[in-house]
């Protein structure tokens, strides 16, 4: 499928739609686009948006768990919300919090909000997240789910050039199955992946 001078392909197994890698923005353009976002920790509207993931995640977490906000961006509001609820939250973002130290630990939960659509290599990223997640842990993903292909060309989410991969609900369920996780969809555009307990 070609739209606005970009080529998009579909994975036949998981139904993900992805931009041709030759057309990805370079790192400088990607960073410049992220700097346009106004995601402040104290912005009540942004917090309401993030509550779509935070609320169902918090309902499923035991007290005082440790987590990682993976791809937290310049304003890690979700991490602040979870910390206010009594959890310890580490930060990692390849542009804004690039210290690799948090990637050497394991966590009870990982959040990935408005980040998965930027993954250049989704399978490799999920393998990394699986390694970072303790048995019994939860991975929370929030990204706009793709619906009917007829709407793809005009979809606002597609127009952001840093959005290079798009997931359907079926995509996330297929990815969960690949890693042996269960997947629930507690709200629109939110998936909670549950890693099974160890033996």
Protein backbone atom coordinates (compact mmCIF):
# COMPACT_ATOMS: atom_id res chain seq x y z
CA UNK A 1 0.00 0.00 0.00
CA UNK A 2 1.40 3.42 -0.98
CA UNK A 3 0.14 6.56 0.77
CA UNK A 4 1.54 10.09 0.51
CA UNK A 5 4.77 8.88 -1.03
CA UNK A 6 5.36 6.21 1.64
CA UNK A 7 5.11 2.47 1.20
CA UNK A 8 3.46 0.31 3.87
CA UNK A 9 3.60 -3.45 4.16
CA UNK A 10 1.65 -5.93 6.24
CA UNK A 11 2.93 -8.90 8.20
CA UNK A 12 0.90 -11.94 7.06
CA UNK A 13 1.20 -13.60 10.47
CA UNK A 14 0.34 -10.84 12.96
CA UNK A 15 -1.36 -8.27 10.68
CA UNK A 16 0.94 -5.42 11.73
CA UNK A 17 1.23 -2.67 9.12
CA UNK A 18 4.70 -1.13 8.83
CA UNK A 19 6.46 1.57 6.85
CA UNK A 20 9.16 0.56 4.41
CA UNK A 21 12.43 0.83 6.37
CA UNK A 22 14.03 2.82 3.54
CA UNK A 23 11.56 5.62 4.35
CA UNK A 24 12.08 5.86 8.10
CA UNK A 25 13.07 9.32 9.34
CA UNK A 26 16.70 9.67 10.37
CA UNK A 27 17.60 10.03 14.02
CA UNK A 28 17.87 13.82 13.88
CA UNK A 29 14.44 14.21 12.28
CA UNK A 30 12.99 11.74 14.76
CA UNK A 31 14.37 13.68 17.73
CA UNK A 32 13.14 17.00 16.31
CA UNK A 33 9.62 15.58 16.01
CA UNK A 34 9.65 14.31 19.60
CA UNK A 35 10.73 17.73 20.83
CA UNK A 36 7.51 19.16 19.39
CA UNK A 37 5.44 17.15 21.90
CA UNK A 38 4.21 19.07 24.92
CA UNK A 39 3.90 16.23 27.42
CA UNK A 40 4.33 17.82 30.83
CA UNK A 41 4.24 15.84 34.06
CA UNK A 42 1.74 18.23 35.65
CA UNK A 43 -0.62 18.58 32.67
CA UNK A 44 -4.06 17.31 33.83
CA UNK A 45 -5.20 16.60 30.25
CA UNK A 46 -2.13 14.48 29.57
CA UNK A 47 -2.65 12.63 32.85
CA UNK A 48 -6.27 11.87 31.91
CA UNK A 49 -5.03 10.45 28.63
CA UNK A 50 -2.45 8.26 30.38
CA UNK A 51 -5.03 7.09 32.91
CA UNK A 52 -6.42 4.82 30.17
CA UNK A 53 -3.44 2.60 30.89
CA UNK A 54 -2.58 3.63 34.46
CA UNK A 55 -6.00 2.86 35.95
CA UNK A 56 -6.35 -0.77 34.78
CA UNK A 57 -2.67 -1.43 35.45
CA UNK A 58 -2.89 -0.15 39.02
CA UNK A 59 -5.94 -2.35 39.64
CA UNK A 60 -3.79 -5.38 38.83
CA UNK A 61 -0.62 -4.50 40.73
CA UNK A 62 0.18 -5.54 44.27
CA UNK A 63 1.45 -2.71 46.50
CA UNK A 64 4.97 -1.33 46.16
CA UNK A 65 5.95 -3.01 42.91
CA UNK A 66 8.96 -2.00 40.79
CA UNK A 67 8.44 -0.90 37.22
CA UNK A 68 10.07 0.58 34.14
CA UNK A 69 8.60 3.31 31.95
CA UNK A 70 10.14 2.26 28.63
CA UNK A 71 10.17 5.07 26.09
CA UNK A 72 9.03 7.60 28.67
CA UNK A 73 9.79 10.67 26.54
CA UNK A 74 10.84 14.07 27.88
CA UNK A 75 7.93 14.37 30.34
CA UNK A 76 7.50 11.06 32.20
CA UNK A 77 4.03 11.78 33.55
CA UNK A 78 2.96 8.14 33.69
CA UNK A 79 5.96 7.26 35.86
CA UNK A 80 4.99 10.10 38.18
CA UNK A 81 1.41 8.83 38.40
CA UNK A 82 2.54 5.30 39.24
CA UNK A 83 5.07 6.57 41.77
CA UNK A 84 2.32 8.62 43.44
CA UNK A 85 0.42 5.33 43.81
CA UNK A 86 3.34 3.86 45.77
CA UNK A 87 5.38 2.10 43.10
CA UNK A 88 9.05 2.52 42.22
CA UNK A 89 9.47 3.43 38.56
CA UNK A 90 12.72 3.59 36.58
CA UNK A 91 12.97 5.56 33.33
CA UNK A 92 14.43 4.67 29.97
CA UNK A 93 14.18 6.49 26.67
CA UNK A 94 16.78 6.29 23.90
CA UNK A 95 16.57 10.05 23.30
CA UNK A 96 15.69 11.64 26.64
CA UNK A 97 16.76 9.12 29.32
CA UNK A 98 19.44 7.08 27.52
CA UNK A 99 21.27 5.79 30.60
CA UNK A 100 21.33 1.99 30.02
CA UNK A 101 21.53 1.15 33.74
CA UNK A 102 17.75 0.53 34.08
CA UNK A 103 18.05 -2.11 31.35
CA UNK A 104 20.22 -4.28 33.60
CA UNK A 105 17.41 -4.96 36.11
CA UNK A 106 14.15 -6.89 36.07
CA UNK A 107 10.74 -5.46 36.88
CA UNK A 108 7.28 -6.39 38.10
CA UNK A 109 5.73 -4.21 35.41
CA UNK A 110 6.78 -2.29 32.32
CA UNK A 111 4.83 0.46 30.63
CA UNK A 112 5.17 1.39 26.99
CA UNK A 113 2.82 4.27 26.19
CA UNK A 114 2.74 5.91 22.77
CA UNK A 115 6.09 4.21 22.11
CA UNK A 116 5.47 0.90 20.34
CA UNK A 117 4.49 2.64 17.11
CA UNK A 118 8.05 4.03 16.94
CA UNK A 119 9.73 0.62 17.18
CA UNK A 120 11.93 -0.01 14.15
CA UNK A 121 12.31 -3.66 15.16
CA UNK A 122 9.23 -4.59 17.20
CA UNK A 123 10.13 -8.26 17.68
CA UNK A 124 13.58 -7.37 19.05
CA UNK A 125 12.10 -4.72 21.34
CA UNK A 126 9.56 -7.18 22.73
CA UNK A 127 12.28 -9.76 23.29
CA UNK A 128 14.13 -7.14 25.32
CA UNK A 129 11.00 -6.31 27.31
CA UNK A 130 10.34 -9.98 27.96
CA UNK A 131 13.86 -10.34 29.37
CA UNK A 132 13.31 -7.28 31.60
CA UNK A 133 9.97 -8.53 32.96
CA UNK A 134 9.90 -10.87 35.95
CA UNK A 135 7.73 -13.99 35.83
CA UNK A 136 4.22 -12.96 36.81
CA UNK A 137 4.87 -9.41 35.57
CA UNK A 138 2.71 -7.18 33.39
CA UNK A 139 3.63 -5.27 30.24
CA UNK A 140 1.26 -2.40 29.53
CA UNK A 141 1.16 -1.10 25.95
CA UNK A 142 -0.85 1.89 24.78
CA UNK A 143 -0.90 2.71 21.08
CA UNK A 144 -3.71 3.59 18.69
CA UNK A 145 -5.00 0.33 17.25
CA UNK A 146 -5.41 0.19 13.51
CA UNK A 147 -8.88 -0.62 12.34
CA UNK A 148 -10.20 -1.04 8.78
CA UNK A 149 -7.70 -0.58 5.96
CA UNK A 150 -10.16 1.75 4.24
CA UNK A 151 -9.37 4.39 6.87
CA UNK A 152 -5.60 3.93 6.93
CA UNK A 153 -4.72 6.57 4.33
CA UNK A 154 -6.61 9.33 6.16
CA UNK A 155 -5.76 8.19 9.68
CA UNK A 156 -4.14 10.96 11.74
CA UNK A 157 -1.89 8.45 13.49
CA UNK A 158 -0.35 7.38 10.20
CA UNK A 159 0.58 10.94 9.27
CA UNK A 160 3.24 11.23 11.96
CA UNK A 161 6.44 10.22 10.11
CA UNK A 162 7.93 8.74 13.29
CA UNK A 163 5.06 6.23 13.51
CA UNK A 164 6.52 3.35 11.55
CA UNK A 165 4.49 0.35 12.74
CA UNK A 166 0.78 0.00 13.48
CA UNK A 167 -0.88 -2.73 15.51
CA UNK A 168 -4.31 -4.24 15.46
CA UNK A 169 -5.78 -5.90 18.52
CA UNK A 170 -5.12 -9.18 16.72
CA UNK A 171 -1.46 -8.15 16.29
CA UNK A 172 -0.96 -7.71 20.01
CA UNK A 173 -2.67 -11.00 20.78
CA UNK A 174 -0.41 -12.74 18.24
CA UNK A 175 2.70 -11.13 19.74
CA UNK A 176 1.62 -12.14 23.23
CA UNK A 177 1.19 -15.71 22.04
CA UNK A 178 4.69 -15.72 20.61
CA UNK A 179 6.13 -15.01 24.06
CA UNK A 180 3.73 -17.21 25.99
CA UNK A 181 1.97 -14.21 27.56
CA UNK A 182 -1.76 -13.78 27.98
CA UNK A 183 -3.25 -10.57 26.60
CA UNK A 184 -6.22 -8.56 27.78
CA UNK A 185 -7.64 -5.38 26.28
CA UNK A 186 -9.08 -3.43 29.24
CA UNK A 187 -9.70 -0.23 27.28
CA UNK A 188 -9.54 1.09 23.74
CA UNK A 189 -5.93 1.19 22.49
CA UNK A 190 -4.59 -0.48 25.65
CA UNK A 191 -3.18 -3.99 26.01
CA UNK A 192 -1.98 -5.62 29.22
CA UNK A 193 0.35 -8.54 28.57
CA UNK A 194 0.71 -10.94 31.51
CA UNK A 195 3.88 -13.01 31.70
CA UNK A 196 3.20 -16.35 33.37
CA UNK A 197 4.61 -17.18 36.77
CA UNK A 198 7.79 -19.20 36.80
CA UNK A 199 7.83 -22.94 37.56
